[in-house]
Amino acid sequence: CTSDPDEGDYIASIITKVRSHGALGNIYVIGSSNGAALAHRLASNAGDDLPIKGIVATVTQLLDSPERSGPGTLNYNQPSISAERTTPAVSVLSVMGTADG
């Protein structure tokens, strides 16, 4: 997936900019539908560049395939415990329903 936008890097650059202005608190992501899928992807790539502590995701799925949803190193769809990439623990609240349209 090299033609999709590098959303992970974009979000990381926003966090870096906000941190440069003195914001040092924890970072949480909230999303619904496609935004929830992005929240899951950010959590799957959490680490020094994406210091995500928790997400709230409503009405979505965690993609198993493809392996990545964009170029760059911050767009994997699944957390990892490999030697090359280890994802730290991220708290997740996932809200689903039985009558989702």
C-alpha atoms as a PDB file:
ATOM      1  CA  CYS A   1       0.000   0.000   0.000  1.00  0.00           C
ATOM      2  CA  THR A   2       2.219   2.826  -1.192  1.00  0.00           C
ATOM      3  CA  SER A   3      -0.348   5.109  -2.824  1.00  0.00           C
ATOM      4  CA  ASP A   4      -2.506   5.761   0.269  1.00  0.00           C
ATOM      5  CA  PRO A   5      -1.830   8.793   2.483  1.00  0.00           C
ATOM      6  CA  ASP A   6       0.676   8.326   5.307  1.00  0.00           C
ATOM      7  CA  GLU A   7      -1.852   8.950   8.082  1.00  0.00           C
ATOM      8  CA  GLY A   8       0.380   7.562  10.829  1.00  0.00           C
ATOM      9  CA  ASP A   9       3.167  10.007  10.004  1.00  0.00           C
ATOM     10  CA  TYR A  10       0.659  12.857   9.707  1.00  0.00           C
ATOM     11  CA  ILE A  11      -0.788  12.197  13.186  1.00  0.00           C
ATOM     12  CA  ALA A  12       2.746  11.778  14.603  1.00  0.00           C
ATOM     13  CA  SER A  13       3.695  15.198  13.180  1.00  0.00           C
ATOM     14  CA  ILE A  14       0.663  16.791  14.868  1.00  0.00           C
ATOM     15  CA  ILE A  15       1.649  15.205  18.195  1.00  0.00           C
ATOM     16  CA  THR A  16       5.235  16.445  17.776  1.00  0.00           C
ATOM     17  CA  LYS A  17       4.000  19.987  17.052  1.00  0.00           C
ATOM     18  CA  VAL A  18       1.675  20.026  20.071  1.00  0.00           C
ATOM     19  CA  ARG A  19       4.460  18.611  22.287  1.00  0.00           C
ATOM     20  CA  SER A  20       6.815  21.381  21.072  1.00  0.00           C
ATOM     21  CA  HIS A  21       4.388  23.879  22.635  1.00  0.00           C
ATOM     22  CA  GLY A  22       4.682  22.218  26.056  1.00  0.00           C
ATOM     23  CA  ALA A  23       1.839  19.693  26.031  1.00  0.00           C
ATOM     24  CA  LEU A  24       3.182  16.642  27.858  1.00  0.00           C
ATOM     25  CA  GLY A  25       0.036  14.730  28.879  1.00  0.00           C
ATOM     26  CA  ASN A  26      -1.202  11.341  27.761  1.00  0.00           C
ATOM     27  CA  ILE A  27      -2.679  10.975  24.282  1.00  0.00           C
ATOM     28  CA  TYR A  28      -6.031   9.299  23.679  1.00  0.00           C
ATOM     29  CA  VAL A  29      -7.810   8.795  20.346  1.00  0.00           C
ATOM     30  CA  ILE A  30     -11.574   8.614  19.803  1.00  0.00           C
ATOM     31  CA  GLY A  31     -13.140   7.560  16.504  1.00  0.00           C
ATOM     32  CA  SER A  32     -16.309   6.220  14.962  1.00  0.00           C
ATOM     33  CA  SER A  33     -16.549   4.036  11.857  1.00  0.00           C
ATOM     34  CA  ASN A  34     -13.550   4.876   9.618  1.00  0.00           C
ATOM     35  CA  GLY A  35     -12.193   7.108  12.395  1.00  0.00           C
ATOM     36  CA  ALA A  36     -12.355   4.133  14.752  1.00  0.00           C
ATOM     37  CA  ALA A  37     -10.387   2.054  12.245  1.00  0.00           C
ATOM     38  CA  LEU A  38      -7.774   4.841  12.224  1.00  0.00           C
ATOM     39  CA  ALA A  39      -7.755   4.828  16.048  1.00  0.00           C
ATOM     40  CA  HIS A  40      -7.076   1.070  15.998  1.00  0.00           C
ATOM     41  CA  ARG A  41      -4.297   1.566  13.460  1.00  0.00           C
ATOM     42  CA  LEU A  42      -2.700   4.312  15.563  1.00  0.00           C
ATOM     43  CA  ALA A  43      -2.848   2.032  18.608  1.00  0.00           C
ATOM     44  CA  SER A  44      -1.282  -0.773  16.558  1.00  0.00           C
ATOM     45  CA  ASN A  45       1.636   1.536  15.778  1.00  0.00           C
ATOM     46  CA  ALA A  46       1.992   3.102  19.228  1.00  0.00           C
ATOM     47  CA  GLY A  47       5.491   3.815  20.465  1.00  0.00           C
ATOM     48  CA  ASP A  48       7.909   6.728  20.652  1.00  0.00           C
ATOM     49  CA  ASP A  49       6.553   8.430  17.518  1.00  0.00           C
ATOM     50  CA  LEU A  50       2.900   7.707  18.360  1.00  0.00           C
ATOM     51  CA  PRO A  51       2.690   7.782  22.183  1.00  0.00           C
ATOM     52  CA  ILE A  52      -0.951   6.635  22.263  1.00  0.00           C
ATOM     53  CA  LYS A  53      -2.136   5.545  25.736  1.00  0.00           C
ATOM     54  CA  GLY A  54      -5.706   4.571  24.881  1.00  0.00           C
ATOM     55  CA  ILE A  55      -8.459   4.603  22.275  1.00  0.00           C
ATOM     56  CA  VAL A  56     -12.255   4.597  22.179  1.00  0.00           C
ATOM     57  CA  ALA A  57     -13.507   3.004  18.967  1.00  0.00           C
ATOM     58  CA  THR A  58     -17.183   2.751  18.015  1.00  0.00           C
ATOM     59  CA  VAL A  59     -18.566   0.589  15.233  1.00  0.00           C
ATOM     60  CA  THR A  60     -15.469  -0.675  13.429  1.00  0.00           C
ATOM     61  CA  GLN A  61     -13.117  -3.566  12.894  1.00  0.00           C
ATOM     62  CA  LEU A  62      -9.387  -4.226  13.331  1.00  0.00           C
ATOM     63  CA  LEU A  63      -8.114  -5.101   9.867  1.00  0.00           C
ATOM     64  CA  ASP A  64      -6.299  -8.398   9.462  1.00  0.00           C
ATOM     65  CA  SER A  65      -5.539  -7.796   5.793  1.00  0.00           C
ATOM     66  CA  PRO A  66      -3.766  -6.034   4.205  1.00  0.00           C
ATOM     67  CA  GLU A  67      -0.763  -5.897   6.544  1.00  0.00           C
ATOM     68  CA  ARG A  68      -0.528  -2.108   6.077  1.00  0.00           C
ATOM     69  CA  SER A  69      -2.931   0.711   5.200  1.00  0.00           C
ATOM     70  CA  GLY A  70      -0.358   3.125   3.830  1.00  0.00           C
ATOM     71  CA  PRO A  71       3.304   3.827   3.287  1.00  0.00           C
ATOM     72  CA  GLY A  72       5.780   4.561   6.051  1.00  0.00           C
ATOM     73  CA  THR A  73       6.447   2.804   9.316  1.00  0.00           C
ATOM     74  CA  LEU A  74       3.315   3.908  11.215  1.00  0.00           C
ATOM     75  CA  ASN A  75       0.569   2.266   9.132  1.00  0.00           C
ATOM     76  CA  TYR A  76       0.493  -1.393  10.187  1.00  0.00           C
ATOM     77  CA  ASN A  77      -3.017  -2.772  10.770  1.00  0.00           C
ATOM     78  CA  GLN A  78      -2.090  -5.148  13.607  1.00  0.00           C
ATOM     79  CA  PRO A  79      -0.012  -4.727  16.796  1.00  0.00           C
ATOM     80  CA  SER A  80       3.362  -6.462  16.770  1.00  0.00           C
ATOM     81  CA  ILE A  81       5.710  -8.197  19.177  1.00  0.00           C
ATOM     82  CA  SER A  82       8.394  -8.918  16.587  1.00  0.00           C
ATOM     83  CA  ALA A  83      12.051  -8.036  17.114  1.00  0.00           C
ATOM     84  CA  GLU A  84      11.787  -5.244  14.539  1.00  0.00           C
ATOM     85  CA  ARG A  85       8.588  -3.674  15.860  1.00  0.00           C
ATOM     86  CA  THR A  86       7.111  -4.067  19.329  1.00  0.00           C
ATOM     87  CA  THR A  87       3.846  -2.311  20.144  1.00  0.00           C
ATOM     88  CA  PRO A  88       3.422  -1.181  23.772  1.00  0.00           C
ATOM     89  CA  ALA A  89       0.178  -1.888  25.615  1.00  0.00           C
ATOM     90  CA  VAL A  90      -2.647   0.505  24.714  1.00  0.00           C
ATOM     91  CA  SER A  91      -5.999   0.604  26.519  1.00  0.00           C
ATOM     92  CA  VAL A  92      -8.938  -0.025  24.163  1.00  0.00           C
ATOM     93  CA  LEU A  93     -12.674   0.560  24.688  1.00  0.00           C
ATOM     94  CA  SER A  94     -14.570  -0.829  21.699  1.00  0.00           C
ATOM     95  CA  VAL A  95     -18.293  -0.057  21.433  1.00  0.00           C
ATOM     96  CA  MET A  96     -20.405  -2.197  19.083  1.00  0.00           C
ATOM     97  CA  GLY A  97     -24.113  -2.739  18.587  1.00  0.00           C
ATOM     98  CA  THR A  98     -26.429  -5.367  17.162  1.00  0.00           C
ATOM     99  CA  ALA A  99     -28.432  -2.904  15.062  1.00  0.00           C
ATOM    100  CA  ASP A 100     -25.620  -1.154  13.207  1.00  0.00           C
ATOM    101  CA  GLY A 101     -27.109   0.013   9.902  1.00  0.00           C
END
